[in-house]
Amino acid sequence: MSWRILIFCFLLLLEGCIPNSPYRNGEEGKNIFYSTFTEPPKHLDPAISYSANELSIIGLIYEPLFEYHYLKRPYELIPLT
């Protein structure tokens, strides 16, 4: 009986030693960004996208043309390119 418990504990310990990589095979060294979202995006065109899920993905893909200096009043536009 004690041998069965010992073997069970050893197998349980051995099961915990298996590497658990969140990446697929062959994607570990690549520059890939993984993210979750509630529904897949319908459009990735910034002119016609309308949901918050799409805007968070579009913000990572497209660089805006301008930003503003948030401490200066009145606001001053600064070109990014």
PDB file of N, CA and C in Angstrom:
ATOM      1  N   MET A   1       0.820  -1.192   0.000  1.00  0.00           N
ATOM      2  CA  MET A   1       0.000   0.000   0.000  1.00  0.00           C
ATOM      3  C   MET A   1       0.871   1.266   0.000  1.00  0.00           C
ATOM      4  N   SER A   2       1.924   1.267   0.810  1.00  0.00           N
ATOM      5  CA  SER A   2       2.778   2.447   0.868  1.00  0.00           C
ATOM      6  C   SER A   2       3.553   2.632  -0.437  1.00  0.00           C
ATOM      7  N   TRP A   3       3.843   1.519  -1.144  1.00  0.00           N
ATOM      8  CA  TRP A   3       4.513   1.628  -2.434  1.00  0.00           C
ATOM      9  C   TRP A   3       3.620   2.316  -3.453  1.00  0.00           C
ATOM     10  N   ARG A   4       2.338   2.038  -3.397  1.00  0.00           N
ATOM     11  CA  ARG A   4       1.408   2.683  -4.339  1.00  0.00           C
ATOM     12  C   ARG A   4       1.345   4.186  -4.081  1.00  0.00           C
ATOM     13  N   ILE A   5       1.320   4.558  -2.830  1.00  0.00           N
ATOM     14  CA  ILE A   5       1.291   5.985  -2.489  1.00  0.00           C
ATOM     15  C   ILE A   5       2.599   6.648  -2.917  1.00  0.00           C
ATOM     16  N   LEU A   6       3.706   5.962  -2.691  1.00  0.00           N
ATOM     17  CA  LEU A   6       5.008   6.499  -3.083  1.00  0.00           C
ATOM     18  C   LEU A   6       5.112   6.648  -4.598  1.00  0.00           C
ATOM     19  N   ILE A   7       4.657   5.662  -5.342  1.00  0.00           N
ATOM     20  CA  ILE A   7       4.672   5.736  -6.807  1.00  0.00           C
ATOM     21  C   ILE A   7       3.736   6.832  -7.295  1.00  0.00           C
ATOM     22  N   PHE A   8       2.571   6.961  -6.673  1.00  0.00           N
ATOM     23  CA  PHE A   8       1.633   8.019  -7.050  1.00  0.00           C
ATOM     24  C   PHE A   8       2.248   9.398  -6.809  1.00  0.00           C
ATOM     25  N   CYS A   9       2.892   9.582  -5.655  1.00  0.00           N
ATOM     26  CA  CYS A   9       3.526  10.873  -5.360  1.00  0.00           C
ATOM     27  C   CYS A   9       4.674  11.158  -6.327  1.00  0.00           C
ATOM     28  N   PHE A  10       5.433  10.130  -6.678  1.00  0.00           N
ATOM     29  CA  PHE A  10       6.522  10.306  -7.633  1.00  0.00           C
ATOM     30  C   PHE A  10       5.985  10.696  -9.007  1.00  0.00           C
ATOM     31  N   LEU A  11       4.922  10.034  -9.452  1.00  0.00           N
ATOM     32  CA  LEU A  11       4.332  10.376 -10.749  1.00  0.00           C
ATOM     33  C   LEU A  11       3.724  11.774 -10.733  1.00  0.00           C
ATOM     34  N   LEU A  12       3.145  12.156  -9.619  1.00  0.00           N
ATOM     35  CA  LEU A  12       2.596  13.504  -9.490  1.00  0.00           C
ATOM     36  C   LEU A  12       3.714  14.543  -9.537  1.00  0.00           C
ATOM     37  N   LEU A  13       4.822  14.254  -8.883  1.00  0.00           N
ATOM     38  CA  LEU A  13       5.975  15.146  -8.925  1.00  0.00           C
ATOM     39  C   LEU A  13       6.562  15.211 -10.327  1.00  0.00           C
ATOM     40  N   LEU A  14       6.624  14.080 -10.991  1.00  0.00           N
ATOM     41  CA  LEU A  14       7.147  14.024 -12.349  1.00  0.00           C
ATOM     42  C   LEU A  14       6.251  14.800 -13.318  1.00  0.00           C
ATOM     43  N   GLU A  15       4.960  14.759 -13.109  1.00  0.00           N
ATOM     44  CA  GLU A  15       4.012  15.497 -13.952  1.00  0.00           C
ATOM     45  C   GLU A  15       4.214  17.005 -13.817  1.00  0.00           C
ATOM     46  N   GLY A  16       4.597  17.465 -12.652  1.00  0.00           N
ATOM     47  CA  GLY A  16       4.831  18.888 -12.435  1.00  0.00           C
ATOM     48  C   GLY A  16       6.126  19.390 -13.032  1.00  0.00           C
ATOM     49  N   CYS A  17       7.001  18.500 -13.459  1.00  0.00           N
ATOM     50  CA  CYS A  17       8.294  18.893 -14.031  1.00  0.00           C
ATOM     51  C   CYS A  17       8.244  19.087 -15.540  1.00  0.00           C
ATOM     52  N   ILE A  18       7.117  18.837 -16.161  1.00  0.00           N
ATOM     53  CA  ILE A  18       6.985  19.009 -17.604  1.00  0.00           C
ATOM     54  C   ILE A  18       6.934  20.505 -17.906  1.00  0.00           C
ATOM     55  N   PRO A  19       7.736  20.988 -18.847  1.00  0.00           N
ATOM     56  CA  PRO A  19       7.706  22.424 -19.156  1.00  0.00           C
ATOM     57  C   PRO A  19       6.353  22.834 -19.743  1.00  0.00           C
ATOM     58  N   ASN A  20       5.879  23.986 -19.306  1.00  0.00           N
ATOM     59  CA  ASN A  20       4.592  24.498 -19.759  1.00  0.00           C
ATOM     60  C   ASN A  20       4.821  25.841 -20.439  1.00  0.00           C
ATOM     61  N   SER A  21       5.112  25.813 -21.715  1.00  0.00           N
ATOM     62  CA  SER A  21       5.358  27.030 -22.471  1.00  0.00           C
ATOM     63  C   SER A  21       4.044  27.545 -23.050  1.00  0.00           C
ATOM     64  N   PRO A  22       3.741  28.840 -22.889  1.00  0.00           N
ATOM     65  CA  PRO A  22       2.503  29.375 -23.449  1.00  0.00           C
ATOM     66  C   PRO A  22       2.563  29.588 -24.958  1.00  0.00           C
ATOM     67  N   TYR A  23       3.747  29.433 -25.555  1.00  0.00           N
ATOM     68  CA  TYR A  23       3.905  29.669 -26.982  1.00  0.00           C
ATOM     69  C   TYR A  23       3.757  28.376 -27.767  1.00  0.00           C
ATOM     70  N   ARG A  24       3.360  28.503 -29.015  1.00  0.00           N
ATOM     71  CA  ARG A  24       3.288  27.346 -29.896  1.00  0.00           C
ATOM     72  C   ARG A  24       4.688  26.897 -30.275  1.00  0.00           C
ATOM     73  N   ASN A  25       4.798  25.696 -30.792  1.00  0.00           N
ATOM     74  CA  ASN A  25       6.110  25.180 -31.194  1.00  0.00           C
ATOM     75  C   ASN A  25       6.694  26.033 -32.317  1.00  0.00           C
ATOM     76  N   GLY A  26       7.923  26.474 -32.159  1.00  0.00           N
ATOM     77  CA  GLY A  26       8.606  27.263 -33.168  1.00  0.00           C
ATOM     78  C   GLY A  26       8.384  28.758 -33.050  1.00  0.00           C
ATOM     79  N   GLU A  27       7.602  29.232 -32.098  1.00  0.00           N
ATOM     80  CA  GLU A  27       7.323  30.664 -31.958  1.00  0.00           C
ATOM     81  C   GLU A  27       7.995  31.280 -30.736  1.00  0.00           C
ATOM     82  N   GLU A  28       8.869  30.567 -30.084  1.00  0.00           N
ATOM     83  CA  GLU A  28       9.429  31.062 -28.830  1.00  0.00           C
ATOM     84  C   GLU A  28      10.412  32.207 -29.019  1.00  0.00           C
ATOM     85  N   GLY A  29      11.205  32.201 -30.079  1.00  0.00           N
ATOM     86  CA  GLY A  29      12.197  33.246 -30.266  1.00  0.00           C
ATOM     87  C   GLY A  29      11.732  34.392 -31.144  1.00  0.00           C
ATOM     88  N   LYS A  30      10.491  34.366 -31.605  1.00  0.00           N
ATOM     89  CA  LYS A  30      10.001  35.383 -32.538  1.00  0.00           C
ATOM     90  C   LYS A  30       9.370  36.555 -31.793  1.00  0.00           C
ATOM     91  N   ASN A  31       9.239  37.662 -32.475  1.00  0.00           N
ATOM     92  CA  ASN A  31       8.669  38.877 -31.913  1.00  0.00           C
ATOM     93  C   ASN A  31       7.167  38.888 -32.192  1.00  0.00           C
ATOM     94  N   ILE A  32       6.398  38.177 -31.369  1.00  0.00           N
ATOM     95  CA  ILE A  32       4.954  38.041 -31.549  1.00  0.00           C
ATOM     96  C   ILE A  32       4.267  38.538 -30.289  1.00  0.00           C
ATOM     97  N   PHE A  33       3.252  39.375 -30.455  1.00  0.00           N
ATOM     98  CA  PHE A  33       2.480  39.900 -29.334  1.00  0.00           C
ATOM     99  C   PHE A  33       1.159  39.158 -29.256  1.00  0.00           C
ATOM    100  N   TYR A  34       0.885  38.536 -28.128  1.00  0.00           N
ATOM    101  CA  TYR A  34      -0.373  37.835 -27.907  1.00  0.00           C
ATOM    102  C   TYR A  34      -1.255  38.681 -27.002  1.00  0.00           C
ATOM    103  N   SER A  35      -2.529  38.737 -27.335  1.00  0.00           N
ATOM    104  CA  SER A  35      -3.480  39.488 -26.533  1.00  0.00           C
ATOM    105  C   SER A  35      -4.833  38.801 -26.605  1.00  0.00           C
ATOM    106  N   THR A  36      -5.681  39.097 -25.641  1.00  0.00           N
ATOM    107  CA  THR A  36      -7.022  38.520 -25.641  1.00  0.00           C
ATOM    108  C   THR A  36      -8.044  39.616 -25.896  1.00  0.00           C
ATOM    109  N   PHE A  37      -9.155  39.249 -26.478  1.00  0.00           N
ATOM    110  CA  PHE A  37     -10.250  40.177 -26.685  1.00  0.00           C
ATOM    111  C   PHE A  37     -11.552  39.396 -26.658  1.00  0.00           C
ATOM    112  N   THR A  38     -12.660  40.095 -26.399  1.00  0.00           N
ATOM    113  CA  THR A  38     -13.943  39.418 -26.236  1.00  0.00           C
ATOM    114  C   THR A  38     -14.528  38.951 -27.552  1.00  0.00           C
ATOM    115  N   GLU A  39     -14.315  39.696 -28.608  1.00  0.00           N
ATOM    116  CA  GLU A  39     -14.792  39.292 -29.932  1.00  0.00           C
ATOM    117  C   GLU A  39     -13.754  39.692 -30.967  1.00  0.00           C
ATOM    118  N   PRO A  40     -13.646  38.954 -32.061  1.00  0.00           N
ATOM    119  CA  PRO A  40     -12.642  39.310 -33.066  1.00  0.00           C
ATOM    120  C   PRO A  40     -12.987  40.639 -33.746  1.00  0.00           C
ATOM    121  N   PRO A  41     -11.986  41.392 -34.167  1.00  0.00           N
ATOM    122  CA  PRO A  41     -12.267  42.679 -34.813  1.00  0.00           C
ATOM    123  C   PRO A  41     -12.936  42.486 -36.166  1.00  0.00           C
ATOM    124  N   LYS A  42     -13.898  43.367 -36.462  1.00  0.00           N
ATOM    125  CA  LYS A  42     -14.593  43.312 -37.752  1.00  0.00           C
ATOM    126  C   LYS A  42     -13.823  44.086 -38.816  1.00  0.00           C
ATOM    127  N   HIS A  43     -13.229  45.214 -38.425  1.00  0.00           N
ATOM    128  CA  HIS A  43     -12.498  46.069 -39.360  1.00  0.00           C
ATOM    129  C   HIS A  43     -11.184  46.488 -38.715  1.00  0.00           C
ATOM    130  N   LEU A  44     -10.139  46.532 -39.502  1.00  0.00           N
ATOM    131  CA  LEU A  44      -8.881  47.101 -39.035  1.00  0.00           C
ATOM    132  C   LEU A  44      -8.560  48.392 -39.773  1.00  0.00           C
ATOM    133  N   ASP A  45      -9.541  48.918 -40.480  1.00  0.00           N
ATOM    134  CA  ASP A  45      -9.409  50.209 -41.142  1.00  0.00           C
ATOM    135  C   ASP A  45      -9.798  51.286 -40.133  1.00  0.00           C
ATOM    136  N   PRO A  46      -8.914  52.222 -39.804  1.00  0.00           N
ATOM    137  CA  PRO A  46      -9.250  53.219 -38.791  1.00  0.00           C
ATOM    138  C   PRO A  46     -10.388  54.150 -39.199  1.00  0.00           C
ATOM    139  N   ALA A  47     -10.697  54.231 -40.489  1.00  0.00           N
ATOM    140  CA  ALA A  47     -11.775  55.119 -40.926  1.00  0.00           C
ATOM    141  C   ALA A  47     -13.153  54.540 -40.628  1.00  0.00           C
ATOM    142  N   ILE A  48     -13.282  53.208 -40.576  1.00  0.00           N
ATOM    143  CA  ILE A  48     -14.611  52.625 -40.384  1.00  0.00           C
ATOM    144  C   ILE A  48     -14.732  51.775 -39.123  1.00  0.00           C
ATOM    145  N   SER A  49     -13.691  51.676 -38.319  1.00  0.00           N
ATOM    146  CA  SER A  49     -13.802  50.888 -37.087  1.00  0.00           C
ATOM    147  C   SER A  49     -14.568  51.692 -36.044  1.00  0.00           C
ATOM    148  N   TYR A  50     -15.305  50.981 -35.201  1.00  0.00           N
ATOM    149  CA  TYR A  50     -16.155  51.689 -34.253  1.00  0.00           C
ATOM    150  C   TYR A  50     -16.185  51.064 -32.869  1.00  0.00           C
ATOM    151  N   SER A  51     -15.638  49.893 -32.649  1.00  0.00           N
ATOM    152  CA  SER A  51     -15.725  49.296 -31.317  1.00  0.00           C
ATOM    153  C   SER A  51     -14.416  49.493 -30.556  1.00  0.00           C
ATOM    154  N   ALA A  52     -14.489  49.374 -29.241  1.00  0.00           N
ATOM    155  CA  ALA A  52     -13.306  49.570 -28.406  1.00  0.00           C
ATOM    156  C   ALA A  52     -12.276  48.472 -28.633  1.00  0.00           C
ATOM    157  N   ASN A  53     -12.734  47.262 -28.945  1.00  0.00           N
ATOM    158  CA  ASN A  53     -11.788  46.179 -29.226  1.00  0.00           C
ATOM    159  C   ASN A  53     -10.947  46.496 -30.450  1.00  0.00           C
ATOM    160  N   GLU A  54     -11.586  47.018 -31.479  1.00  0.00           N
ATOM    161  CA  GLU A  54     -10.860  47.357 -32.702  1.00  0.00           C
ATOM    162  C   GLU A  54      -9.896  48.514 -32.459  1.00  0.00           C
ATOM    163  N   LEU A  55     -10.308  49.492 -31.683  1.00  0.00           N
ATOM    164  CA  LEU A  55      -9.452  50.655 -31.457  1.00  0.00           C
ATOM    165  C   LEU A  55      -8.200  50.291 -30.672  1.00  0.00           C
ATOM    166  N   SER A  56      -8.301  49.336 -29.754  1.00  0.00           N
ATOM    167  CA  SER A  56      -7.104  48.942 -29.013  1.00  0.00           C
ATOM    168  C   SER A  56      -6.112  48.212 -29.914  1.00  0.00           C
ATOM    169  N   ILE A  57      -6.598  47.456 -30.886  1.00  0.00           N
ATOM    170  CA  ILE A  57      -5.706  46.767 -31.820  1.00  0.00           C
ATOM    171  C   ILE A  57      -5.152  47.747 -32.848  1.00  0.00           C
ATOM    172  N   ILE A  58      -5.992  48.643 -33.341  1.00  0.00           N
ATOM    173  CA  ILE A  58      -5.553  49.631 -34.332  1.00  0.00           C
ATOM    174  C   ILE A  58      -4.491  50.556 -33.744  1.00  0.00           C
ATOM    175  N   GLY A  59      -4.618  50.881 -32.460  1.00  0.00           N
ATOM    176  CA  GLY A  59      -3.611  51.709 -31.806  1.00  0.00           C
ATOM    177  C   GLY A  59      -2.239  51.066 -31.773  1.00  0.00           C
ATOM    178  N   LEU A  60      -2.191  49.740 -31.817  1.00  0.00           N
ATOM    179  CA  LEU A  60      -0.911  49.038 -31.847  1.00  0.00           C
ATOM    180  C   LEU A  60      -0.355  48.910 -33.258  1.00  0.00           C
ATOM    181  N   ILE A  61      -1.221  49.011 -34.271  1.00  0.00           N
ATOM    182  CA  ILE A  61      -0.793  48.818 -35.657  1.00  0.00           C
ATOM    183  C   ILE A  61      -0.385  50.136 -36.305  1.00  0.00           C
ATOM    184  N   TYR A  62      -1.262  51.139 -36.223  1.00  0.00           N
ATOM    185  CA  TYR A  62      -1.034  52.410 -36.912  1.00  0.00           C
ATOM    186  C   TYR A  62      -0.479  53.448 -35.950  1.00  0.00           C
ATOM    187  N   GLU A  63       0.481  54.222 -36.436  1.00  0.00           N
ATOM    188  CA  GLU A  63       1.030  55.316 -35.649  1.00  0.00           C
ATOM    189  C   GLU A  63       0.240  56.588 -35.960  1.00  0.00           C
ATOM    190  N   PRO A  64      -0.205  57.315 -34.945  1.00  0.00           N
ATOM    191  CA  PRO A  64      -0.924  58.562 -35.218  1.00  0.00           C
ATOM    192  C   PRO A  64       0.015  59.614 -35.806  1.00  0.00           C
ATOM    193  N   LEU A  65      -0.566  60.561 -36.517  1.00  0.00           N
ATOM    194  CA  LEU A  65       0.245  61.602 -37.150  1.00  0.00           C
ATOM    195  C   LEU A  65       0.708  62.661 -36.163  1.00  0.00           C
ATOM    196  N   PHE A  66      -0.135  62.962 -35.179  1.00  0.00           N
ATOM    197  CA  PHE A  66       0.169  64.017 -34.222  1.00  0.00           C
ATOM    198  C   PHE A  66      -0.110  63.542 -32.804  1.00  0.00           C
ATOM    199  N   GLU A  67       0.555  64.210 -31.863  1.00  0.00           N
ATOM    200  CA  GLU A  67       0.173  64.122 -30.464  1.00  0.00           C
ATOM    201  C   GLU A  67       0.213  65.545 -29.924  1.00  0.00           C
ATOM    202  N   TYR A  68      -0.277  65.740 -28.719  1.00  0.00           N
ATOM    203  CA  TYR A  68      -0.272  67.089 -28.175  1.00  0.00           C
ATOM    204  C   TYR A  68       0.551  67.118 -26.896  1.00  0.00           C
ATOM    205  N   HIS A  69       1.118  68.276 -26.633  1.00  0.00           N
ATOM    206  CA  HIS A  69       1.860  68.474 -25.400  1.00  0.00           C
ATOM    207  C   HIS A  69       0.836  68.718 -24.303  1.00  0.00           C
ATOM    208  N   TYR A  70       0.710  67.772 -23.385  1.00  0.00           N
ATOM    209  CA  TYR A  70      -0.401  67.805 -22.442  1.00  0.00           C
ATOM    210  C   TYR A  70      -0.218  68.805 -21.305  1.00  0.00           C
ATOM    211  N   LEU A  71       0.958  69.387 -21.150  1.00  0.00           N
ATOM    212  CA  LEU A  71       1.151  70.366 -20.091  1.00  0.00           C
ATOM    213  C   LEU A  71       1.000  71.806 -20.575  1.00  0.00           C
ATOM    214  N   LYS A  72       1.106  72.043 -21.865  1.00  0.00           N
ATOM    215  CA  LYS A  72       1.003  73.409 -22.386  1.00  0.00           C
ATOM    216  C   LYS A  72      -0.454  73.770 -22.619  1.00  0.00           C
ATOM    217  N   ARG A  73      -0.815  75.006 -22.244  1.00  0.00           N
ATOM    218  CA  ARG A  73      -2.152  75.525 -22.519  1.00  0.00           C
ATOM    219  C   ARG A  73      -1.989  76.824 -23.275  1.00  0.00           C
ATOM    220  N   PRO A  74      -2.597  77.052 -24.373  1.00  0.00           N
ATOM    221  CA  PRO A  74      -3.460  76.170 -25.155  1.00  0.00           C
ATOM    222  C   PRO A  74      -2.651  75.002 -25.712  1.00  0.00           C
ATOM    223  N   TYR A  75      -3.356  73.942 -26.053  1.00  0.00           N
ATOM    224  CA  TYR A  75      -2.702  72.721 -26.513  1.00  0.00           C
ATOM    225  C   TYR A  75      -1.847  72.983 -27.749  1.00  0.00           C
ATOM    226  N   GLU A  76      -0.732  72.296 -27.819  1.00  0.00           N
ATOM    227  CA  GLU A  76       0.176  72.438 -28.945  1.00  0.00           C
ATOM    228  C   GLU A  76       0.343  71.070 -29.598  1.00  0.00           C
ATOM    229  N   LEU A  77       0.084  71.003 -30.914  1.00  0.00           N
ATOM    230  CA  LEU A  77       0.245  69.747 -31.640  1.00  0.00           C
ATOM    231  C   LEU A  77       1.708  69.531 -31.985  1.00  0.00           C
ATOM    232  N   ILE A  78       2.157  68.298 -31.805  1.00  0.00           N
ATOM    233  CA  ILE A  78       3.532  67.926 -32.108  1.00  0.00           C
ATOM    234  C   ILE A  78       3.489  66.807 -33.141  1.00  0.00           C
ATOM    235  N   PRO A  79       4.115  66.988 -34.317  1.00  0.00           N
ATOM    236  CA  PRO A  79       4.123  65.894 -35.299  1.00  0.00           C
ATOM    237  C   PRO A  79       5.014  64.749 -34.821  1.00  0.00           C
ATOM    238  N   LEU A  80       4.582  63.530 -35.079  1.00  0.00           N
ATOM    239  CA  LEU A  80       5.342  62.362 -34.647  1.00  0.00           C
ATOM    240  C   LEU A  80       6.296  61.845 -35.710  1.00  0.00           C
ATOM    241  N   THR A  81       6.086  62.207 -36.960  1.00  0.00           N
ATOM    242  CA  THR A  81       6.948  61.675 -38.015  1.00  0.00           C
ATOM    243  C   THR A  81       7.938  62.705 -38.491  1.00  0.00           C
TER     244      THR A  81
END
